[in-house]
């Protein structure tokens, strides 16, 4: 239980401090025929290769009240996790 509270508290506090959220960007498949020879001239370089899926950070657009709320909830979760660990639960 304390590990879950620790993880949740850390995530909430980091969102409040850095004002960033992870955003999943799905990958793209390579264009059909991208494996053909470069006999097509300049059009062969204009094709885009496939990209792997990734996670990037976006702005969370939090107000001051939102930052304060997330910091309070996250800090409280961290404090509760600390005391649960001390008590042995």
PDB file of N, CA and C in Angstrom:
ATOM      1  N   UNK A   1       0.829  -1.193   0.000  1.00  0.00           N
ATOM      2  CA  UNK A   1       0.000   0.000   0.000  1.00  0.00           C
ATOM      3  C   UNK A   1       0.870   1.253   0.000  1.00  0.00           C
ATOM      4  N   UNK A   2       1.957   1.182   0.790  1.00  0.00           N
ATOM      5  CA  UNK A   2       2.804   2.369   0.867  1.00  0.00           C
ATOM      6  C   UNK A   2       3.531   2.627  -0.458  1.00  0.00           C
ATOM      7  N   UNK A   3       3.844   1.556  -1.192  1.00  0.00           N
ATOM      8  CA  UNK A   3       4.491   1.759  -2.497  1.00  0.00           C
ATOM      9  C   UNK A   3       3.542   2.426  -3.491  1.00  0.00           C
ATOM     10  N   UNK A   4       2.273   2.066  -3.441  1.00  0.00           N
ATOM     11  CA  UNK A   4       1.283   2.688  -4.329  1.00  0.00           C
ATOM     12  C   UNK A   4       1.127   4.161  -3.976  1.00  0.00           C
ATOM     13  N   UNK A   5       1.026   4.457  -2.687  1.00  0.00           N
ATOM     14  CA  UNK A   5       0.911   5.857  -2.265  1.00  0.00           C
ATOM     15  C   UNK A   5       2.168   6.644  -2.616  1.00  0.00           C
ATOM     16  N   UNK A   6       3.314   6.011  -2.494  1.00  0.00           N
ATOM     17  CA  UNK A   6       4.561   6.671  -2.856  1.00  0.00           C
ATOM     18  C   UNK A   6       4.594   7.010  -4.342  1.00  0.00           C
ATOM     19  N   UNK A   7       4.177   6.076  -5.184  1.00  0.00           N
ATOM     20  CA  UNK A   7       4.170   6.309  -6.631  1.00  0.00           C
ATOM     21  C   UNK A   7       3.156   7.399  -7.009  1.00  0.00           C
ATOM     22  N   UNK A   8       1.950   7.313  -6.437  1.00  0.00           N
ATOM     23  CA  UNK A   8       0.916   8.308  -6.744  1.00  0.00           C
ATOM     24  C   UNK A   8       1.344   9.692  -6.274  1.00  0.00           C
ATOM     25  N   UNK A   9       1.877   9.768  -5.069  1.00  0.00           N
ATOM     26  CA  UNK A   9       2.322  11.057  -4.540  1.00  0.00           C
ATOM     27  C   UNK A   9       3.439  11.663  -5.364  1.00  0.00           C
ATOM     28  N   UNK A  10       4.380  10.824  -5.791  1.00  0.00           N
ATOM     29  CA  UNK A  10       5.487  11.318  -6.612  1.00  0.00           C
ATOM     30  C   UNK A  10       4.998  11.853  -7.943  1.00  0.00           C
ATOM     31  N   UNK A  11       4.067  11.154  -8.560  1.00  0.00           N
ATOM     32  CA  UNK A  11       3.526  11.605  -9.850  1.00  0.00           C
ATOM     33  C   UNK A  11       2.784  12.931  -9.681  1.00  0.00           C
ATOM     34  N   UNK A  12       1.955  13.041  -8.661  1.00  0.00           N
ATOM     35  CA  UNK A  12       1.178  14.266  -8.466  1.00  0.00           C
ATOM     36  C   UNK A  12       2.078  15.463  -8.167  1.00  0.00           C
ATOM     37  N   UNK A  13       3.079  15.261  -7.334  1.00  0.00           N
ATOM     38  CA  UNK A  13       3.984  16.367  -7.006  1.00  0.00           C
ATOM     39  C   UNK A  13       4.819  16.763  -8.215  1.00  0.00           C
ATOM     40  N   UNK A  14       5.273  15.798  -9.005  1.00  0.00           N
ATOM     41  CA  UNK A  14       6.077  16.154 -10.185  1.00  0.00           C
ATOM     42  C   UNK A  14       5.241  16.876 -11.236  1.00  0.00           C
ATOM     43  N   UNK A  15       3.975  16.508 -11.382  1.00  0.00           N
ATOM     44  CA  UNK A  15       3.106  17.244 -12.311  1.00  0.00           C
ATOM     45  C   UNK A  15       2.919  18.669 -11.826  1.00  0.00           C
ATOM     46  N   UNK A  16       2.735  18.847 -10.528  1.00  0.00           N
ATOM     47  CA  UNK A  16       2.554  20.189  -9.976  1.00  0.00           C
ATOM     48  C   UNK A  16       3.823  21.029 -10.117  1.00  0.00           C
ATOM     49  N   UNK A  17       4.988  20.426  -9.933  1.00  0.00           N
ATOM     50  CA  UNK A  17       6.232  21.190  -9.997  1.00  0.00           C
ATOM     51  C   UNK A  17       6.631  21.553 -11.425  1.00  0.00           C
ATOM     52  N   UNK A  18       6.521  20.600 -12.336  1.00  0.00           N
ATOM     53  CA  UNK A  18       7.031  20.827 -13.692  1.00  0.00           C
ATOM     54  C   UNK A  18       5.958  21.230 -14.693  1.00  0.00           C
ATOM     55  N   UNK A  19       4.686  21.105 -14.333  1.00  0.00           N
ATOM     56  CA  UNK A  19       3.566  21.489 -15.196  1.00  0.00           C
ATOM     57  C   UNK A  19       3.609  20.759 -16.539  1.00  0.00           C
ATOM     58  N   UNK A  20       3.986  19.492 -16.506  1.00  0.00           N
ATOM     59  CA  UNK A  20       4.074  18.669 -17.717  1.00  0.00           C
ATOM     60  C   UNK A  20       3.353  17.353 -17.496  1.00  0.00           C
ATOM     61  N   UNK A  21       2.739  16.839 -18.560  1.00  0.00           N
ATOM     62  CA  UNK A  21       2.071  15.540 -18.533  1.00  0.00           C
ATOM     63  C   UNK A  21       2.617  14.679 -19.667  1.00  0.00           C
ATOM     64  N   UNK A  22       2.772  13.379 -19.446  1.00  0.00           N
ATOM     65  CA  UNK A  22       3.206  12.516 -20.550  1.00  0.00           C
ATOM     66  C   UNK A  22       2.084  12.345 -21.565  1.00  0.00           C
ATOM     67  N   UNK A  23       2.454  12.330 -22.834  1.00  0.00           N
ATOM     68  CA  UNK A  23       1.489  12.163 -23.921  1.00  0.00           C
ATOM     69  C   UNK A  23       2.011  11.086 -24.858  1.00  0.00           C
ATOM     70  N   UNK A  24       1.210  10.065 -25.110  1.00  0.00           N
ATOM     71  CA  UNK A  24       1.596   8.963 -25.990  1.00  0.00           C
ATOM     72  C   UNK A  24       1.411   9.381 -27.443  1.00  0.00           C
ATOM     73  N   UNK A  25       2.468   9.241 -28.228  1.00  0.00           N
ATOM     74  CA  UNK A  25       2.419   9.531 -29.667  1.00  0.00           C
ATOM     75  C   UNK A  25       2.580   8.204 -30.397  1.00  0.00           C
ATOM     76  N   UNK A  26       1.517   7.731 -31.064  1.00  0.00           N
ATOM     77  CA  UNK A  26       1.642   6.443 -31.756  1.00  0.00           C
ATOM     78  C   UNK A  26       2.609   6.547 -32.931  1.00  0.00           C
ATOM     79  N   UNK A  27       3.229   5.446 -33.264  1.00  0.00           N
ATOM     80  CA  UNK A  27       4.169   5.418 -34.379  1.00  0.00           C
ATOM     81  C   UNK A  27       3.455   5.387 -35.714  1.00  0.00           C
ATOM     82  N   UNK A  28       4.205   5.653 -36.755  1.00  0.00           N
ATOM     83  CA  UNK A  28       3.674   5.594 -38.121  1.00  0.00           C
ATOM     84  C   UNK A  28       4.296   4.416 -38.837  1.00  0.00           C
ATOM     85  N   UNK A  29       3.502   3.778 -39.651  1.00  0.00           N
ATOM     86  CA  UNK A  29       4.016   2.708 -40.495  1.00  0.00           C
ATOM     87  C   UNK A  29       4.764   3.332 -41.664  1.00  0.00           C
ATOM     88  N   UNK A  30       5.755   2.633 -42.194  1.00  0.00           N
ATOM     89  CA  UNK A  30       6.446   3.183 -43.361  1.00  0.00           C
ATOM     90  C   UNK A  30       5.494   3.292 -44.549  1.00  0.00           C
ATOM     91  N   UNK A  31       5.763   4.261 -45.407  1.00  0.00           N
ATOM     92  CA  UNK A  31       4.923   4.467 -46.584  1.00  0.00           C
ATOM     93  C   UNK A  31       5.000   3.238 -47.485  1.00  0.00           C
ATOM     94  N   UNK A  32       3.890   2.911 -48.157  1.00  0.00           N
ATOM     95  CA  UNK A  32       3.937   1.758 -49.063  1.00  0.00           C
ATOM     96  C   UNK A  32       4.959   1.988 -50.170  1.00  0.00           C
ATOM     97  N   UNK A  33       5.779   0.998 -50.393  1.00  0.00           N
ATOM     98  CA  UNK A  33       6.790   1.115 -51.436  1.00  0.00           C
ATOM     99  C   UNK A  33       8.033   1.859 -50.993  1.00  0.00           C
ATOM    100  N   UNK A  34       8.196   2.099 -49.716  1.00  0.00           N
ATOM    101  CA  UNK A  34       9.358   2.839 -49.234  1.00  0.00           C
ATOM    102  C   UNK A  34      10.635   2.025 -49.372  1.00  0.00           C
ATOM    103  N   UNK A  35      10.519   0.719 -49.528  1.00  0.00           N
ATOM    104  CA  UNK A  35      11.696  -0.120 -49.653  1.00  0.00           C
ATOM    105  C   UNK A  35      12.204  -0.236 -51.073  1.00  0.00           C
ATOM    106  N   UNK A  36      11.553   0.429 -52.032  1.00  0.00           N
ATOM    107  CA  UNK A  36      11.995   0.352 -53.424  1.00  0.00           C
ATOM    108  C   UNK A  36      13.321   1.058 -53.628  1.00  0.00           C
ATOM    109  N   UNK A  37      13.947   0.793 -54.732  1.00  0.00           N
ATOM    110  CA  UNK A  37      15.229   1.416 -55.052  1.00  0.00           C
ATOM    111  C   UNK A  37      15.042   2.903 -55.295  1.00  0.00           C
ATOM    112  N   UNK A  38      16.110   3.638 -55.229  1.00  0.00           N
ATOM    113  CA  UNK A  38      16.048   5.091 -55.381  1.00  0.00           C
ATOM    114  C   UNK A  38      16.052   5.492 -56.849  1.00  0.00           C
ATOM    115  N   UNK A  39      15.393   4.731 -57.692  1.00  0.00           N
ATOM    116  CA  UNK A  39      15.359   5.014 -59.123  1.00  0.00           C
ATOM    117  C   UNK A  39      14.297   6.059 -59.455  1.00  0.00           C
ATOM    118  N   UNK A  40      13.575   6.537 -58.465  1.00  0.00           N
ATOM    119  CA  UNK A  40      12.491   7.484 -58.733  1.00  0.00           C
ATOM    120  C   UNK A  40      12.946   8.934 -58.679  1.00  0.00           C
ATOM    121  N   UNK A  41      14.209   9.167 -58.440  1.00  0.00           N
ATOM    122  CA  UNK A  41      14.717  10.529 -58.429  1.00  0.00           C
ATOM    123  C   UNK A  41      14.436  11.228 -57.111  1.00  0.00           C
ATOM    124  N   UNK A  42      14.092  12.537 -57.168  1.00  0.00           N
ATOM    125  CA  UNK A  42      13.929  13.309 -55.929  1.00  0.00           C
ATOM    126  C   UNK A  42      12.711  12.883 -55.111  1.00  0.00           C
ATOM    127  N   UNK A  43      11.757  12.192 -55.712  1.00  0.00           N
ATOM    128  CA  UNK A  43      10.581  11.770 -54.954  1.00  0.00           C
ATOM    129  C   UNK A  43      10.915  10.688 -53.947  1.00  0.00           C
ATOM    130  N   UNK A  44      11.981   9.959 -54.173  1.00  0.00           N
ATOM    131  CA  UNK A  44      12.352   8.879 -53.264  1.00  0.00           C
ATOM    132  C   UNK A  44      12.790   9.436 -51.909  1.00  0.00           C
ATOM    133  N   UNK A  45      13.365  10.632 -51.889  1.00  0.00           N
ATOM    134  CA  UNK A  45      13.800  11.212 -50.618  1.00  0.00           C
ATOM    135  C   UNK A  45      12.664  11.924 -49.903  1.00  0.00           C
ATOM    136  N   UNK A  46      11.575  12.211 -50.602  1.00  0.00           N
ATOM    137  CA  UNK A  46      10.466  12.930 -49.985  1.00  0.00           C
ATOM    138  C   UNK A  46       9.587  12.010 -49.148  1.00  0.00           C
ATOM    139  N   UNK A  47       9.715  10.710 -49.319  1.00  0.00           N
ATOM    140  CA  UNK A  47       8.901   9.774 -48.542  1.00  0.00           C
ATOM    141  C   UNK A  47       9.389   9.730 -47.105  1.00  0.00           C
ATOM    142  N   UNK A  48       8.459   9.588 -46.189  1.00  0.00           N
ATOM    143  CA  UNK A  48       8.827   9.518 -44.784  1.00  0.00           C
ATOM    144  C   UNK A  48       8.949   8.065 -44.347  1.00  0.00           C
ATOM    145  N   UNK A  49       9.949   7.819 -43.569  1.00  0.00           N
ATOM    146  CA  UNK A  49      10.127   6.483 -43.016  1.00  0.00           C
ATOM    147  C   UNK A  49       9.195   6.317 -41.819  1.00  0.00           C
ATOM    148  N   UNK A  50       8.953   5.096 -41.426  1.00  0.00           N
ATOM    149  CA  UNK A  50       8.125   4.842 -40.257  1.00  0.00           C
ATOM    150  C   UNK A  50       8.832   5.281 -38.983  1.00  0.00           C
ATOM    151  N   UNK A  51       8.064   5.662 -37.987  1.00  0.00           N
ATOM    152  CA  UNK A  51       8.642   6.060 -36.709  1.00  0.00           C
ATOM    153  C   UNK A  51       8.089   5.165 -35.612  1.00  0.00           C
ATOM    154  N   UNK A  52       8.862   5.001 -34.596  1.00  0.00           N
ATOM    155  CA  UNK A  52       8.458   4.181 -33.462  1.00  0.00           C
ATOM    156  C   UNK A  52       7.538   4.977 -32.536  1.00  0.00           C
ATOM    157  N   UNK A  53       6.647   4.311 -31.832  1.00  0.00           N
ATOM    158  CA  UNK A  53       5.820   5.038 -30.864  1.00  0.00           C
ATOM    159  C   UNK A  53       6.679   5.565 -29.725  1.00  0.00           C
ATOM    160  N   UNK A  54       6.278   6.703 -29.152  1.00  0.00           N
ATOM    161  CA  UNK A  54       7.065   7.301 -28.083  1.00  0.00           C
ATOM    162  C   UNK A  54       6.158   8.064 -27.129  1.00  0.00           C
ATOM    163  N   UNK A  55       6.713   8.461 -26.043  1.00  0.00           N
ATOM    164  CA  UNK A  55       6.014   9.273 -25.053  1.00  0.00           C
ATOM    165  C   UNK A  55       6.755  10.601 -24.965  1.00  0.00           C
ATOM    166  N   UNK A  56       6.009  11.708 -25.090  1.00  0.00           N
ATOM    167  CA  UNK A  56       6.644  13.011 -24.956  1.00  0.00           C
ATOM    168  C   UNK A  56       5.872  13.830 -23.927  1.00  0.00           C
ATOM    169  N   UNK A  57       6.497  14.868 -23.433  1.00  0.00           N
ATOM    170  CA  UNK A  57       5.885  15.691 -22.397  1.00  0.00           C
ATOM    171  C   UNK A  57       5.169  16.887 -23.017  1.00  0.00           C
ATOM    172  N   UNK A  58       3.963  17.124 -22.556  1.00  0.00           N
ATOM    173  CA  UNK A  58       3.173  18.272 -22.997  1.00  0.00           C
ATOM    174  C   UNK A  58       2.848  19.138 -21.798  1.00  0.00           C
ATOM    175  N   UNK A  59       2.506  20.368 -22.055  1.00  0.00           N
ATOM    176  CA  UNK A  59       2.121  21.278 -20.985  1.00  0.00           C
ATOM    177  C   UNK A  59       0.811  20.820 -20.359  1.00  0.00           C
ATOM    178  N   UNK A  60       0.741  20.865 -19.029  1.00  0.00           N
ATOM    179  CA  UNK A  60      -0.468  20.446 -18.318  1.00  0.00           C
ATOM    180  C   UNK A  60      -1.477  21.585 -18.234  1.00  0.00           C
ATOM    181  N   UNK A  61      -1.072  22.810 -18.498  1.00  0.00           N
ATOM    182  CA  UNK A  61      -1.932  24.002 -18.462  1.00  0.00           C
ATOM    183  C   UNK A  61      -2.651  24.131 -17.116  1.00  0.00           C
ATOM    184  N   UNK A  62      -1.900  23.999 -16.050  1.00  0.00           N
ATOM    185  CA  UNK A  62      -2.483  24.093 -14.716  1.00  0.00           C
ATOM    186  C   UNK A  62      -2.529  25.543 -14.247  1.00  0.00           C
ATOM    187  N   UNK A  63      -3.592  25.883 -13.534  1.00  0.00           N
ATOM    188  CA  UNK A  63      -3.661  27.179 -12.874  1.00  0.00           C
ATOM    189  C   UNK A  63      -2.906  27.075 -11.557  1.00  0.00           C
ATOM    190  N   UNK A  64      -2.761  28.201 -10.870  1.00  0.00           N
ATOM    191  CA  UNK A  64      -2.086  28.170  -9.571  1.00  0.00           C
ATOM    192  C   UNK A  64      -2.856  27.323  -8.577  1.00  0.00           C
ATOM    193  N   UNK A  65      -4.175  27.379  -8.652  1.00  0.00           N
ATOM    194  CA  UNK A  65      -4.987  26.558  -7.752  1.00  0.00           C
ATOM    195  C   UNK A  65      -4.822  25.078  -8.073  1.00  0.00           C
ATOM    196  N   UNK A  66      -4.732  24.745  -9.336  1.00  0.00           N
ATOM    197  CA  UNK A  66      -4.522  23.359  -9.730  1.00  0.00           C
ATOM    198  C   UNK A  66      -3.175  22.833  -9.277  1.00  0.00           C
ATOM    199  N   UNK A  67      -2.125  23.679  -9.421  1.00  0.00           N
ATOM    200  CA  UNK A  67      -0.799  23.279  -8.944  1.00  0.00           C
ATOM    201  C   UNK A  67      -0.809  23.073  -7.434  1.00  0.00           C
ATOM    202  N   UNK A  68      -1.468  23.977  -6.721  1.00  0.00           N
ATOM    203  CA  UNK A  68      -1.529  23.858  -5.264  1.00  0.00           C
ATOM    204  C   UNK A  68      -2.286  22.596  -4.848  1.00  0.00           C
ATOM    205  N   UNK A  69      -3.369  22.296  -5.547  1.00  0.00           N
ATOM    206  CA  UNK A  69      -4.149  21.105  -5.221  1.00  0.00           C
ATOM    207  C   UNK A  69      -3.342  19.830  -5.451  1.00  0.00           C
ATOM    208  N   UNK A  70      -2.670  19.744  -6.604  1.00  0.00           N
ATOM    209  CA  UNK A  70      -1.875  18.551  -6.893  1.00  0.00           C
ATOM    210  C   UNK A  70      -0.704  18.408  -5.922  1.00  0.00           C
ATOM    211  N   UNK A  71      -0.070  19.527  -5.585  1.00  0.00           N
ATOM    212  CA  UNK A  71       1.035  19.467  -4.632  1.00  0.00           C
ATOM    213  C   UNK A  71       0.543  19.043  -3.249  1.00  0.00           C
ATOM    214  N   UNK A  72      -0.623  19.521  -2.847  1.00  0.00           N
ATOM    215  CA  UNK A  72      -1.174  19.157  -1.542  1.00  0.00           C
ATOM    216  C   UNK A  72      -1.553  17.685  -1.495  1.00  0.00           C
ATOM    217  N   UNK A  73      -2.262  17.213  -2.518  1.00  0.00           N
ATOM    218  CA  UNK A  73      -2.666  15.807  -2.543  1.00  0.00           C
ATOM    219  C   UNK A  73      -1.453  14.877  -2.641  1.00  0.00           C
ATOM    220  N   UNK A  74      -0.503  15.231  -3.495  1.00  0.00           N
ATOM    221  CA  UNK A  74       0.695  14.407  -3.642  1.00  0.00           C
ATOM    222  C   UNK A  74       1.539  14.393  -2.386  1.00  0.00           C
ATOM    223  N   UNK A  75       1.698  15.551  -1.750  1.00  0.00           N
ATOM    224  CA  UNK A  75       2.462  15.612  -0.506  1.00  0.00           C
ATOM    225  C   UNK A  75       1.790  14.829   0.601  1.00  0.00           C
ATOM    226  N   UNK A  76       0.467  14.915   0.660  1.00  0.00           N
ATOM    227  CA  UNK A  76      -0.266  14.147   1.671  1.00  0.00           C
ATOM    228  C   UNK A  76      -0.102  12.647   1.450  1.00  0.00           C
ATOM    229  N   UNK A  77      -0.146  12.225   0.195  1.00  0.00           N
ATOM    230  CA  UNK A  77       0.052  10.806  -0.106  1.00  0.00           C
ATOM    231  C   UNK A  77       1.458  10.359   0.284  1.00  0.00           C
ATOM    232  N   UNK A  78       2.447  11.211   0.070  1.00  0.00           N
ATOM    233  CA  UNK A  78       3.814  10.872   0.455  1.00  0.00           C
ATOM    234  C   UNK A  78       3.962  10.774   1.975  1.00  0.00           C
ATOM    235  N   UNK A  79       3.316  11.678   2.694  1.00  0.00           N
ATOM    236  CA  UNK A  79       3.376  11.648   4.160  1.00  0.00           C
ATOM    237  C   UNK A  79       2.696  10.391   4.698  1.00  0.00           C
ATOM    238  N   UNK A  80       1.533  10.055   4.143  1.00  0.00           N
ATOM    239  CA  UNK A  80       0.828   8.846   4.583  1.00  0.00           C
ATOM    240  C   UNK A  80       1.669   7.610   4.270  1.00  0.00           C
ATOM    241  N   UNK A  81       2.311   7.574   3.107  1.00  0.00           N
ATOM    242  CA  UNK A  81       3.166   6.437   2.760  1.00  0.00           C
ATOM    243  C   UNK A  81       4.338   6.327   3.730  1.00  0.00           C
ATOM    244  N   UNK A  82       4.895   7.460   4.133  1.00  0.00           N
ATOM    245  CA  UNK A  82       6.009   7.456   5.082  1.00  0.00           C
ATOM    246  C   UNK A  82       5.580   6.857   6.419  1.00  0.00           C
ATOM    247  N   UNK A  83       4.438   7.311   6.921  1.00  0.00           N
ATOM    248  CA  UNK A  83       3.980   6.801   8.223  1.00  0.00           C
ATOM    249  C   UNK A  83       3.508   5.343   8.145  1.00  0.00           C
ATOM    250  N   UNK A  84       2.950   4.942   7.022  1.00  0.00           N
ATOM    251  CA  UNK A  84       2.601   3.522   6.862  1.00  0.00           C
ATOM    252  C   UNK A  84       3.860   2.659   6.861  1.00  0.00           C
ATOM    253  N   UNK A  85       4.910   3.155   6.253  1.00  0.00           N
ATOM    254  CA  UNK A  85       6.168   2.408   6.246  1.00  0.00           C
ATOM    255  C   UNK A  85       6.744   2.311   7.655  1.00  0.00           C
ATOM    256  N   UNK A  86       6.670   3.406   8.409  1.00  0.00           N
ATOM    257  CA  UNK A  86       7.174   3.383   9.781  1.00  0.00           C
ATOM    258  C   UNK A  86       6.398   2.415  10.662  1.00  0.00           C
ATOM    259  N   UNK A  87       5.084   2.330  10.421  1.00  0.00           N
ATOM    260  CA  UNK A  87       4.264   1.454  11.253  1.00  0.00           C
ATOM    261  C   UNK A  87       4.369  -0.009  10.838  1.00  0.00           C
ATOM    262  N   UNK A  88       4.941  -0.266   9.679  1.00  0.00           N
ATOM    263  CA  UNK A  88       5.121  -1.639   9.226  1.00  0.00           C
ATOM    264  C   UNK A  88       3.978  -2.213   8.439  1.00  0.00           C
ATOM    265  N   UNK A  89       3.054  -1.392   8.003  1.00  0.00           N
ATOM    266  CA  UNK A  89       1.909  -1.896   7.214  1.00  0.00           C
ATOM    267  C   UNK A  89       2.236  -1.930   5.743  1.00  0.00           C
TER     268      UNK A  89
END
